[in-house]
């Protein structure tokens, strides 16, 4: 039981650090309007519960898409986050001006 919990904590920490690094890296990138195309809250994921948001955006007249993955320690927290996502809704997206296919969803 303790090993399973440790896997979740380690998985959460790694995912959080990666997301934090991406947010820092994208801090000065311009913001575009993104549209949520789908959201998922997979039932079982190695390393703990996650919610995934797929989105599209336009940069320099071109369409792009991205996937935002957010880690949680508890399945209920992931489900609550997922329930708050509106497919078709808009969210801000930071876009790398040098590589517009690289983006980060801003929460």
PDB file of N, CA and C in Angstrom:
ATOM      1  N   UNK A   1       0.826  -1.200   0.000  1.00  0.00           N
ATOM      2  CA  UNK A   1       0.000   0.000   0.000  1.00  0.00           C
ATOM      3  C   UNK A   1       0.868   1.261   0.000  1.00  0.00           C
ATOM      4  N   UNK A   2       1.911   1.268   0.818  1.00  0.00           N
ATOM      5  CA  UNK A   2       2.784   2.432   0.903  1.00  0.00           C
ATOM      6  C   UNK A   2       3.521   2.662  -0.418  1.00  0.00           C
ATOM      7  N   UNK A   3       3.907   1.597  -1.111  1.00  0.00           N
ATOM      8  CA  UNK A   3       4.580   1.726  -2.403  1.00  0.00           C
ATOM      9  C   UNK A   3       3.688   2.392  -3.435  1.00  0.00           C
ATOM     10  N   UNK A   4       2.409   2.034  -3.435  1.00  0.00           N
ATOM     11  CA  UNK A   4       1.441   2.638  -4.360  1.00  0.00           C
ATOM     12  C   UNK A   4       1.314   4.129  -4.093  1.00  0.00           C
ATOM     13  N   UNK A   5       1.214   4.509  -2.814  1.00  0.00           N
ATOM     14  CA  UNK A   5       1.097   5.918  -2.457  1.00  0.00           C
ATOM     15  C   UNK A   5       2.361   6.676  -2.843  1.00  0.00           C
ATOM     16  N   UNK A   6       3.521   6.064  -2.622  1.00  0.00           N
ATOM     17  CA  UNK A   6       4.788   6.686  -2.981  1.00  0.00           C
ATOM     18  C   UNK A   6       4.875   6.913  -4.488  1.00  0.00           C
ATOM     19  N   UNK A   7       4.384   5.960  -5.288  1.00  0.00           N
ATOM     20  CA  UNK A   7       4.349   6.125  -6.747  1.00  0.00           C
ATOM     21  C   UNK A   7       3.526   7.358  -7.139  1.00  0.00           C
ATOM     22  N   UNK A   8       2.397   7.542  -6.487  1.00  0.00           N
ATOM     23  CA  UNK A   8       1.530   8.682  -6.789  1.00  0.00           C
ATOM     24  C   UNK A   8       2.225   9.996  -6.424  1.00  0.00           C
ATOM     25  N   UNK A   9       2.852  10.045  -5.261  1.00  0.00           N
ATOM     26  CA  UNK A   9       3.531  11.269  -4.823  1.00  0.00           C
ATOM     27  C   UNK A   9       4.697  11.599  -5.753  1.00  0.00           C
ATOM     28  N   UNK A  10       5.486  10.603  -6.124  1.00  0.00           N
ATOM     29  CA  UNK A  10       6.619  10.829  -7.026  1.00  0.00           C
ATOM     30  C   UNK A  10       6.122  11.249  -8.404  1.00  0.00           C
ATOM     31  N   UNK A  11       5.098  10.583  -8.913  1.00  0.00           N
ATOM     32  CA  UNK A  11       4.520  10.944 -10.207  1.00  0.00           C
ATOM     33  C   UNK A  11       3.988  12.363 -10.199  1.00  0.00           C
ATOM     34  N   UNK A  12       3.308  12.735  -9.129  1.00  0.00           N
ATOM     35  CA  UNK A  12       2.780  14.097  -9.007  1.00  0.00           C
ATOM     36  C   UNK A  12       3.921  15.108  -8.997  1.00  0.00           C
ATOM     37  N   UNK A  13       4.950  14.841  -8.213  1.00  0.00           N
ATOM     38  CA  UNK A  13       6.075  15.781  -8.089  1.00  0.00           C
ATOM     39  C   UNK A  13       6.766  15.979  -9.434  1.00  0.00           C
ATOM     40  N   UNK A  14       6.999  14.908 -10.160  1.00  0.00           N
ATOM     41  CA  UNK A  14       7.664  15.013 -11.465  1.00  0.00           C
ATOM     42  C   UNK A  14       6.804  15.808 -12.437  1.00  0.00           C
ATOM     43  N   UNK A  15       5.516  15.481 -12.524  1.00  0.00           N
ATOM     44  CA  UNK A  15       4.614  16.201 -13.431  1.00  0.00           C
ATOM     45  C   UNK A  15       4.503  17.675 -13.048  1.00  0.00           C
ATOM     46  N   UNK A  16       4.456  17.949 -11.760  1.00  0.00           N
ATOM     47  CA  UNK A  16       4.365  19.332 -11.303  1.00  0.00           C
ATOM     48  C   UNK A  16       5.614  20.118 -11.689  1.00  0.00           C
ATOM     49  N   UNK A  17       6.781  19.540 -11.475  1.00  0.00           N
ATOM     50  CA  UNK A  17       8.031  20.231 -11.807  1.00  0.00           C
ATOM     51  C   UNK A  17       8.155  20.493 -13.306  1.00  0.00           C
ATOM     52  N   UNK A  18       7.740  19.539 -14.116  1.00  0.00           N
ATOM     53  CA  UNK A  18       7.778  19.735 -15.571  1.00  0.00           C
ATOM     54  C   UNK A  18       6.839  20.874 -15.957  1.00  0.00           C
ATOM     55  N   UNK A  19       5.637  20.865 -15.424  1.00  0.00           N
ATOM     56  CA  UNK A  19       4.667  21.922 -15.733  1.00  0.00           C
ATOM     57  C   UNK A  19       5.159  23.289 -15.254  1.00  0.00           C
ATOM     58  N   UNK A  20       5.747  23.324 -14.076  1.00  0.00           N
ATOM     59  CA  UNK A  20       6.284  24.568 -13.532  1.00  0.00           C
ATOM     60  C   UNK A  20       7.412  25.106 -14.422  1.00  0.00           C
ATOM     61  N   UNK A  21       8.306  24.232 -14.871  1.00  0.00           N
ATOM     62  CA  UNK A  21       9.406  24.640 -15.756  1.00  0.00           C
ATOM     63  C   UNK A  21       8.867  25.190 -17.076  1.00  0.00           C
ATOM     64  N   UNK A  22       7.834  24.551 -17.624  1.00  0.00           N
ATOM     65  CA  UNK A  22       7.234  25.043 -18.869  1.00  0.00           C
ATOM     66  C   UNK A  22       6.594  26.406 -18.681  1.00  0.00           C
ATOM     67  N   UNK A  23       5.950  26.622 -17.544  1.00  0.00           N
ATOM     68  CA  UNK A  23       5.330  27.923 -17.277  1.00  0.00           C
ATOM     69  C   UNK A  23       6.402  29.008 -17.166  1.00  0.00           C
ATOM     70  N   UNK A  24       7.501  28.707 -16.493  1.00  0.00           N
ATOM     71  CA  UNK A  24       8.586  29.681 -16.393  1.00  0.00           C
ATOM     72  C   UNK A  24       9.184  29.986 -17.760  1.00  0.00           C
ATOM     73  N   UNK A  25       9.399  28.944 -18.552  1.00  0.00           N
ATOM     74  CA  UNK A  25       9.982  29.102 -19.884  1.00  0.00           C
ATOM     75  C   UNK A  25       9.089  29.975 -20.770  1.00  0.00           C
ATOM     76  N   UNK A  26       7.795  29.846 -20.620  1.00  0.00           N
ATOM     77  CA  UNK A  26       6.852  30.534 -21.505  1.00  0.00           C
ATOM     78  C   UNK A  26       6.403  31.890 -20.974  1.00  0.00           C
ATOM     79  N   UNK A  27       6.965  32.327 -19.897  1.00  0.00           N
ATOM     80  CA  UNK A  27       6.522  33.536 -19.216  1.00  0.00           C
ATOM     81  C   UNK A  27       6.425  34.773 -20.124  1.00  0.00           C
ATOM     82  N   UNK A  28       7.326  34.910 -21.072  1.00  0.00           N
ATOM     83  CA  UNK A  28       7.343  36.096 -21.940  1.00  0.00           C
ATOM     84  C   UNK A  28       6.764  35.841 -23.328  1.00  0.00           C
ATOM     85  N   UNK A  29       6.227  34.654 -23.547  1.00  0.00           N
ATOM     86  CA  UNK A  29       5.622  34.359 -24.837  1.00  0.00           C
ATOM     87  C   UNK A  29       4.304  35.109 -24.967  1.00  0.00           C
ATOM     88  N   UNK A  30       3.926  35.496 -26.184  1.00  0.00           N
ATOM     89  CA  UNK A  30       2.627  36.155 -26.367  1.00  0.00           C
ATOM     90  C   UNK A  30       1.461  35.200 -26.078  1.00  0.00           C
ATOM     91  N   UNK A  31       0.360  35.784 -25.688  1.00  0.00           N
ATOM     92  CA  UNK A  31      -0.825  34.993 -25.350  1.00  0.00           C
ATOM     93  C   UNK A  31      -1.819  35.043 -26.509  1.00  0.00           C
ATOM     94  N   UNK A  32      -2.323  33.869 -26.881  1.00  0.00           N
ATOM     95  CA  UNK A  32      -3.357  33.732 -27.913  1.00  0.00           C
ATOM     96  C   UNK A  32      -4.597  33.132 -27.253  1.00  0.00           C
ATOM     97  N   UNK A  33      -5.725  33.224 -27.945  1.00  0.00           N
ATOM     98  CA  UNK A  33      -6.946  32.575 -27.459  1.00  0.00           C
ATOM     99  C   UNK A  33      -6.924  31.119 -27.908  1.00  0.00           C
ATOM    100  N   UNK A  34      -7.072  30.236 -26.951  1.00  0.00           N
ATOM    101  CA  UNK A  34      -7.168  28.814 -27.257  1.00  0.00           C
ATOM    102  C   UNK A  34      -8.596  28.344 -27.064  1.00  0.00           C
ATOM    103  N   UNK A  35      -8.977  27.317 -27.801  1.00  0.00           N
ATOM    104  CA  UNK A  35     -10.310  26.736 -27.682  1.00  0.00           C
ATOM    105  C   UNK A  35     -10.175  25.292 -27.228  1.00  0.00           C
ATOM    106  N   UNK A  36     -10.876  24.934 -26.170  1.00  0.00           N
ATOM    107  CA  UNK A  36     -10.837  23.566 -25.655  1.00  0.00           C
ATOM    108  C   UNK A  36     -11.562  22.656 -26.632  1.00  0.00           C
ATOM    109  N   UNK A  37     -10.852  21.653 -27.155  1.00  0.00           N
ATOM    110  CA  UNK A  37     -11.472  20.727 -28.097  1.00  0.00           C
ATOM    111  C   UNK A  37     -11.940  19.444 -27.409  1.00  0.00           C
ATOM    112  N   UNK A  38     -11.296  19.050 -26.324  1.00  0.00           N
ATOM    113  CA  UNK A  38     -11.760  17.898 -25.552  1.00  0.00           C
ATOM    114  C   UNK A  38     -11.053  17.879 -24.198  1.00  0.00           C
ATOM    115  N   UNK A  39     -11.610  17.129 -23.285  1.00  0.00           N
ATOM    116  CA  UNK A  39     -11.016  16.959 -21.959  1.00  0.00           C
ATOM    117  C   UNK A  39     -11.189  15.510 -21.537  1.00  0.00           C
ATOM    118  N   UNK A  40     -10.194  15.000 -20.837  1.00  0.00           N
ATOM    119  CA  UNK A  40     -10.207  13.601 -20.397  1.00  0.00           C
ATOM    120  C   UNK A  40      -9.727  13.537 -18.955  1.00  0.00           C
ATOM    121  N   UNK A  41     -10.236  12.573 -18.245  1.00  0.00           N
ATOM    122  CA  UNK A  41      -9.767  12.271 -16.905  1.00  0.00           C
ATOM    123  C   UNK A  41      -9.615  10.748 -16.863  1.00  0.00           C
ATOM    124  N   UNK A  42      -8.471  10.242 -17.369  1.00  0.00           N
ATOM    125  CA  UNK A  42      -8.292   8.787 -17.461  1.00  0.00           C
ATOM    126  C   UNK A  42      -8.501   8.097 -16.121  1.00  0.00           C
ATOM    127  N   UNK A  43      -9.113   6.934 -16.172  1.00  0.00           N
ATOM    128  CA  UNK A  43      -9.436   6.184 -14.955  1.00  0.00           C
ATOM    129  C   UNK A  43      -8.180   5.733 -14.206  1.00  0.00           C
ATOM    130  N   UNK A  44      -7.184   5.259 -14.924  1.00  0.00           N
ATOM    131  CA  UNK A  44      -5.973   4.765 -14.272  1.00  0.00           C
ATOM    132  C   UNK A  44      -4.752   5.211 -15.069  1.00  0.00           C
ATOM    133  N   UNK A  45      -3.878   5.917 -14.391  1.00  0.00           N
ATOM    134  CA  UNK A  45      -2.646   6.384 -15.023  1.00  0.00           C
ATOM    135  C   UNK A  45      -1.504   6.088 -14.068  1.00  0.00           C
ATOM    136  N   UNK A  46      -0.441   5.528 -14.599  1.00  0.00           N
ATOM    137  CA  UNK A  46       0.735   5.255 -13.773  1.00  0.00           C
ATOM    138  C   UNK A  46       1.278   6.571 -13.229  1.00  0.00           C
ATOM    139  N   UNK A  47       1.530   6.643 -11.952  1.00  0.00           N
ATOM    140  CA  UNK A  47       2.057   7.858 -11.353  1.00  0.00           C
ATOM    141  C   UNK A  47       0.990   8.757 -10.764  1.00  0.00           C
ATOM    142  N   UNK A  48      -0.260   8.325 -10.785  1.00  0.00           N
ATOM    143  CA  UNK A  48      -1.306   9.099 -10.139  1.00  0.00           C
ATOM    144  C   UNK A  48      -2.301   9.706 -11.102  1.00  0.00           C
ATOM    145  N   UNK A  49      -3.376  10.262 -10.558  1.00  0.00           N
ATOM    146  CA  UNK A  49      -4.453  10.815 -11.381  1.00  0.00           C
ATOM    147  C   UNK A  49      -4.031  12.075 -12.129  1.00  0.00           C
ATOM    148  N   UNK A  50      -4.566  12.210 -13.339  1.00  0.00           N
ATOM    149  CA  UNK A  50      -4.316  13.395 -14.165  1.00  0.00           C
ATOM    150  C   UNK A  50      -5.613  13.803 -14.853  1.00  0.00           C
ATOM    151  N   UNK A  51      -5.630  15.042 -15.289  1.00  0.00           N
ATOM    152  CA  UNK A  51      -6.679  15.530 -16.177  1.00  0.00           C
ATOM    153  C   UNK A  51      -5.968  16.066 -17.409  1.00  0.00           C
ATOM    154  N   UNK A  52      -6.509  15.781 -18.585  1.00  0.00           N
ATOM    155  CA  UNK A  52      -5.906  16.223 -19.841  1.00  0.00           C
ATOM    156  C   UNK A  52      -6.885  17.115 -20.586  1.00  0.00           C
ATOM    157  N   UNK A  53      -6.365  18.219 -21.098  1.00  0.00           N
ATOM    158  CA  UNK A  53      -7.168  19.152 -21.872  1.00  0.00           C
ATOM    159  C   UNK A  53      -6.509  19.305 -23.238  1.00  0.00           C
ATOM    160  N   UNK A  54      -7.247  18.985 -24.287  1.00  0.00           N
ATOM    161  CA  UNK A  54      -6.757  19.198 -25.642  1.00  0.00           C
ATOM    162  C   UNK A  54      -7.327  20.517 -26.127  1.00  0.00           C
ATOM    163  N   UNK A  55      -6.489  21.309 -26.799  1.00  0.00           N
ATOM    164  CA  UNK A  55      -6.909  22.636 -27.229  1.00  0.00           C
ATOM    165  C   UNK A  55      -6.326  22.970 -28.594  1.00  0.00           C
ATOM    166  N   UNK A  56      -6.952  23.931 -29.249  1.00  0.00           N
ATOM    167  CA  UNK A  56      -6.463  24.434 -30.525  1.00  0.00           C
ATOM    168  C   UNK A  56      -6.282  25.947 -30.400  1.00  0.00           C
ATOM    169  N   UNK A  57      -5.444  26.495 -31.263  1.00  0.00           N
ATOM    170  CA  UNK A  57      -5.222  27.937 -31.276  1.00  0.00           C
ATOM    171  C   UNK A  57      -4.697  28.330 -32.647  1.00  0.00           C
ATOM    172  N   UNK A  58      -4.770  29.606 -32.934  1.00  0.00           N
ATOM    173  CA  UNK A  58      -4.280  30.139 -34.204  1.00  0.00           C
ATOM    174  C   UNK A  58      -3.119  31.078 -33.899  1.00  0.00           C
ATOM    175  N   UNK A  59      -2.022  30.883 -34.613  1.00  0.00           N
ATOM    176  CA  UNK A  59      -0.866  31.762 -34.484  1.00  0.00           C
ATOM    177  C   UNK A  59      -0.368  32.081 -35.886  1.00  0.00           C
ATOM    178  N   UNK A  60      -0.253  33.356 -36.193  1.00  0.00           N
ATOM    179  CA  UNK A  60       0.179  33.806 -37.524  1.00  0.00           C
ATOM    180  C   UNK A  60      -0.677  33.204 -38.644  1.00  0.00           C
ATOM    181  N   UNK A  61      -1.971  33.070 -38.384  1.00  0.00           N
ATOM    182  CA  UNK A  61      -2.891  32.561 -39.388  1.00  0.00           C
ATOM    183  C   UNK A  61      -2.886  31.059 -39.561  1.00  0.00           C
ATOM    184  N   UNK A  62      -2.108  30.340 -38.776  1.00  0.00           N
ATOM    185  CA  UNK A  62      -2.019  28.871 -38.861  1.00  0.00           C
ATOM    186  C   UNK A  62      -2.695  28.240 -37.640  1.00  0.00           C
ATOM    187  N   UNK A  63      -3.346  27.083 -37.868  1.00  0.00           N
ATOM    188  CA  UNK A  63      -3.978  26.345 -36.778  1.00  0.00           C
ATOM    189  C   UNK A  63      -2.963  25.402 -36.134  1.00  0.00           C
ATOM    190  N   UNK A  64      -3.009  25.335 -34.805  1.00  0.00           N
ATOM    191  CA  UNK A  64      -2.148  24.439 -34.030  1.00  0.00           C
ATOM    192  C   UNK A  64      -2.989  23.802 -32.934  1.00  0.00           C
ATOM    193  N   UNK A  65      -2.444  22.755 -32.339  1.00  0.00           N
ATOM    194  CA  UNK A  65      -3.126  22.118 -31.213  1.00  0.00           C
ATOM    195  C   UNK A  65      -2.105  21.730 -30.157  1.00  0.00           C
ATOM    196  N   UNK A  66      -2.601  21.532 -28.957  1.00  0.00           N
ATOM    197  CA  UNK A  66      -1.740  21.126 -27.860  1.00  0.00           C
ATOM    198  C   UNK A  66      -2.516  20.322 -26.842  1.00  0.00           C
ATOM    199  N   UNK A  67      -1.778  19.708 -25.933  1.00  0.00           N
ATOM    200  CA  UNK A  67      -2.387  18.936 -24.845  1.00  0.00           C
ATOM    201  C   UNK A  67      -1.799  19.437 -23.538  1.00  0.00           C
ATOM    202  N   UNK A  68      -2.677  19.761 -22.616  1.00  0.00           N
ATOM    203  CA  UNK A  68      -2.289  20.209 -21.284  1.00  0.00           C
ATOM    204  C   UNK A  68      -2.601  19.071 -20.321  1.00  0.00           C
ATOM    205  N   UNK A  69      -1.603  18.632 -19.570  1.00  0.00           N
ATOM    206  CA  UNK A  69      -1.799  17.565 -18.593  1.00  0.00           C
ATOM    207  C   UNK A  69      -1.524  18.120 -17.210  1.00  0.00           C
ATOM    208  N   UNK A  70      -2.487  17.959 -16.333  1.00  0.00           N
ATOM    209  CA  UNK A  70      -2.333  18.445 -14.963  1.00  0.00           C
ATOM    210  C   UNK A  70      -2.433  17.262 -14.007  1.00  0.00           C
ATOM    211  N   UNK A  71      -1.443  17.152 -13.124  1.00  0.00           N
ATOM    212  CA  UNK A  71      -1.379  16.043 -12.167  1.00  0.00           C
ATOM    213  C   UNK A  71      -2.100  16.399 -10.869  1.00  0.00           C
ATOM    214  N   UNK A  72      -2.617  15.375 -10.227  1.00  0.00           N
ATOM    215  CA  UNK A  72      -3.294  15.524  -8.939  1.00  0.00           C
ATOM    216  C   UNK A  72      -2.872  14.400  -8.015  1.00  0.00           C
ATOM    217  N   UNK A  73      -3.023  14.628  -6.729  1.00  0.00           N
ATOM    218  CA  UNK A  73      -2.741  13.569  -5.760  1.00  0.00           C
ATOM    219  C   UNK A  73      -3.967  12.681  -5.541  1.00  0.00           C
ATOM    220  N   UNK A  74      -5.151  13.260  -5.704  1.00  0.00           N
ATOM    221  CA  UNK A  74      -6.382  12.513  -5.473  1.00  0.00           C
ATOM    222  C   UNK A  74      -7.229  12.454  -6.739  1.00  0.00           C
ATOM    223  N   UNK A  75      -7.851  11.336  -6.966  1.00  0.00           N
ATOM    224  CA  UNK A  75      -8.709  11.137  -8.137  1.00  0.00           C
ATOM    225  C   UNK A  75      -9.878  12.125  -8.135  1.00  0.00           C
ATOM    226  N   UNK A  76     -10.460  12.395  -6.965  1.00  0.00           N
ATOM    227  CA  UNK A  76     -11.579  13.329  -6.881  1.00  0.00           C
ATOM    228  C   UNK A  76     -11.173  14.742  -7.317  1.00  0.00           C
ATOM    229  N   UNK A  77      -9.959  15.150  -6.977  1.00  0.00           N
ATOM    230  CA  UNK A  77      -9.472  16.471  -7.381  1.00  0.00           C
ATOM    231  C   UNK A  77      -9.338  16.557  -8.895  1.00  0.00           C
ATOM    232  N   UNK A  78      -8.811  15.501  -9.506  1.00  0.00           N
ATOM    233  CA  UNK A  78      -8.691  15.465 -10.968  1.00  0.00           C
ATOM    234  C   UNK A  78     -10.076  15.524 -11.606  1.00  0.00           C
ATOM    235  N   UNK A  79     -11.019  14.777 -11.047  1.00  0.00           N
ATOM    236  CA  UNK A  79     -12.384  14.755 -11.579  1.00  0.00           C
ATOM    237  C   UNK A  79     -13.051  16.125 -11.441  1.00  0.00           C
ATOM    238  N   UNK A  80     -12.841  16.808 -10.321  1.00  0.00           N
ATOM    239  CA  UNK A  80     -13.408  18.150 -10.131  1.00  0.00           C
ATOM    240  C   UNK A  80     -12.829  19.136 -11.124  1.00  0.00           C
ATOM    241  N   UNK A  81     -11.531  19.075 -11.368  1.00  0.00           N
ATOM    242  CA  UNK A  81     -10.898  19.949 -12.361  1.00  0.00           C
ATOM    243  C   UNK A  81     -11.490  19.666 -13.740  1.00  0.00           C
ATOM    244  N   UNK A  82     -11.582  18.386 -14.085  1.00  0.00           N
ATOM    245  CA  UNK A  82     -12.146  17.963 -15.367  1.00  0.00           C
ATOM    246  C   UNK A  82     -13.583  18.469 -15.529  1.00  0.00           C
ATOM    247  N   UNK A  83     -14.371  18.382 -14.482  1.00  0.00           N
ATOM    248  CA  UNK A  83     -15.768  18.825 -14.541  1.00  0.00           C
ATOM    249  C   UNK A  83     -15.890  20.323 -14.784  1.00  0.00           C
ATOM    250  N   UNK A  84     -14.858  21.091 -14.435  1.00  0.00           N
ATOM    251  CA  UNK A  84     -14.888  22.531 -14.637  1.00  0.00           C
ATOM    252  C   UNK A  84     -14.454  22.969 -16.031  1.00  0.00           C
ATOM    253  N   UNK A  85     -13.980  22.045 -16.849  1.00  0.00           N
ATOM    254  CA  UNK A  85     -13.532  22.368 -18.205  1.00  0.00           C
ATOM    255  C   UNK A  85     -14.730  22.338 -19.147  1.00  0.00           C
ATOM    256  N   UNK A  86     -14.868  23.371 -19.949  1.00  0.00           N
ATOM    257  CA  UNK A  86     -15.982  23.454 -20.892  1.00  0.00           C
ATOM    258  C   UNK A  86     -15.451  23.257 -22.305  1.00  0.00           C
ATOM    259  N   UNK A  87     -15.835  22.144 -22.922  1.00  0.00           N
ATOM    260  CA  UNK A  87     -15.439  21.897 -24.306  1.00  0.00           C
ATOM    261  C   UNK A  87     -16.057  22.978 -25.183  1.00  0.00           C
ATOM    262  N   UNK A  88     -15.226  23.605 -26.015  1.00  0.00           N
ATOM    263  CA  UNK A  88     -15.668  24.733 -26.826  1.00  0.00           C
ATOM    264  C   UNK A  88     -15.378  26.075 -26.164  1.00  0.00           C
ATOM    265  N   UNK A  89     -15.052  26.029 -24.875  1.00  0.00           N
ATOM    266  CA  UNK A  89     -14.722  27.253 -24.153  1.00  0.00           C
ATOM    267  C   UNK A  89     -13.333  27.747 -24.522  1.00  0.00           C
ATOM    268  N   UNK A  90     -13.071  28.986 -24.177  1.00  0.00           N
ATOM    269  CA  UNK A  90     -11.771  29.566 -24.510  1.00  0.00           C
ATOM    270  C   UNK A  90     -10.896  29.683 -23.270  1.00  0.00           C
ATOM    271  N   UNK A  91      -9.602  29.476 -23.483  1.00  0.00           N
ATOM    272  CA  UNK A  91      -8.604  29.601 -22.428  1.00  0.00           C
ATOM    273  C   UNK A  91      -7.371  30.255 -23.031  1.00  0.00           C
ATOM    274  N   UNK A  92      -6.625  31.039 -22.251  1.00  0.00           N
ATOM    275  CA  UNK A  92      -5.410  31.653 -22.782  1.00  0.00           C
ATOM    276  C   UNK A  92      -4.303  30.617 -22.998  1.00  0.00           C
ATOM    277  N   UNK A  93      -3.564  30.795 -24.081  1.00  0.00           N
ATOM    278  CA  UNK A  93      -2.467  29.902 -24.434  1.00  0.00           C
ATOM    279  C   UNK A  93      -1.237  30.751 -24.722  1.00  0.00           C
ATOM    280  N   UNK A  94      -0.131  30.442 -24.078  1.00  0.00           N
ATOM    281  CA  UNK A  94       1.131  31.106 -24.398  1.00  0.00           C
ATOM    282  C   UNK A  94       1.775  30.349 -25.556  1.00  0.00           C
ATOM    283  N   UNK A  95       2.209  31.107 -26.591  1.00  0.00           N
ATOM    284  CA  UNK A  95       2.741  30.500 -27.806  1.00  0.00           C
ATOM    285  C   UNK A  95       4.180  30.968 -28.022  1.00  0.00           C
ATOM    286  N   UNK A  96       5.060  30.010 -28.275  1.00  0.00           N
ATOM    287  CA  UNK A  96       6.460  30.312 -28.558  1.00  0.00           C
ATOM    288  C   UNK A  96       6.532  31.041 -29.897  1.00  0.00           C
ATOM    289  N   UNK A  97       6.988  32.296 -29.929  1.00  0.00           N
ATOM    290  CA  UNK A  97       7.013  33.038 -31.195  1.00  0.00           C
ATOM    291  C   UNK A  97       7.986  32.448 -32.218  1.00  0.00           C
ATOM    292  N   UNK A  98       9.032  31.776 -31.761  1.00  0.00           N
ATOM    293  CA  UNK A  98      10.007  31.162 -32.669  1.00  0.00           C
ATOM    294  C   UNK A  98       9.525  29.815 -33.193  1.00  0.00           C
ATOM    295  N   UNK A  99       8.696  29.125 -32.408  1.00  0.00           N
ATOM    296  CA  UNK A  99       8.151  27.813 -32.775  1.00  0.00           C
ATOM    297  C   UNK A  99       6.689  27.772 -32.355  1.00  0.00           C
ATOM    298  N   UNK A 100       5.790  28.286 -33.192  1.00  0.00           N
ATOM    299  CA  UNK A 100       4.391  28.411 -32.787  1.00  0.00           C
ATOM    300  C   UNK A 100       3.679  27.081 -32.515  1.00  0.00           C
ATOM    301  N   UNK A 101       4.290  25.971 -32.890  1.00  0.00           N
ATOM    302  CA  UNK A 101       3.683  24.672 -32.555  1.00  0.00           C
ATOM    303  C   UNK A 101       3.920  24.320 -31.078  1.00  0.00           C
ATOM    304  N   UNK A 102       4.754  25.088 -30.396  1.00  0.00           N
ATOM    305  CA  UNK A 102       5.025  24.896 -28.980  1.00  0.00           C
ATOM    306  C   UNK A 102       4.188  25.879 -28.176  1.00  0.00           C
ATOM    307  N   UNK A 103       3.385  25.369 -27.253  1.00  0.00           N
ATOM    308  CA  UNK A 103       2.480  26.227 -26.502  1.00  0.00           C
ATOM    309  C   UNK A 103       2.282  25.679 -25.090  1.00  0.00           C
ATOM    310  N   UNK A 104       1.762  26.551 -24.240  1.00  0.00           N
ATOM    311  CA  UNK A 104       1.444  26.193 -22.868  1.00  0.00           C
ATOM    312  C   UNK A 104       0.089  26.796 -22.524  1.00  0.00           C
ATOM    313  N   UNK A 105      -0.816  25.976 -22.031  1.00  0.00           N
ATOM    314  CA  UNK A 105      -2.123  26.461 -21.598  1.00  0.00           C
ATOM    315  C   UNK A 105      -1.952  27.201 -20.277  1.00  0.00           C
ATOM    316  N   UNK A 106      -2.531  28.380 -20.188  1.00  0.00           N
ATOM    317  CA  UNK A 106      -2.437  29.187 -18.968  1.00  0.00           C
ATOM    318  C   UNK A 106      -3.715  28.995 -18.184  1.00  0.00           C
ATOM    319  N   UNK A 107      -3.569  28.645 -16.908  1.00  0.00           N
ATOM    320  CA  UNK A 107      -4.759  28.437 -16.096  1.00  0.00           C
ATOM    321  C   UNK A 107      -5.111  29.700 -15.346  1.00  0.00           C
TER     322      UNK A 107
END
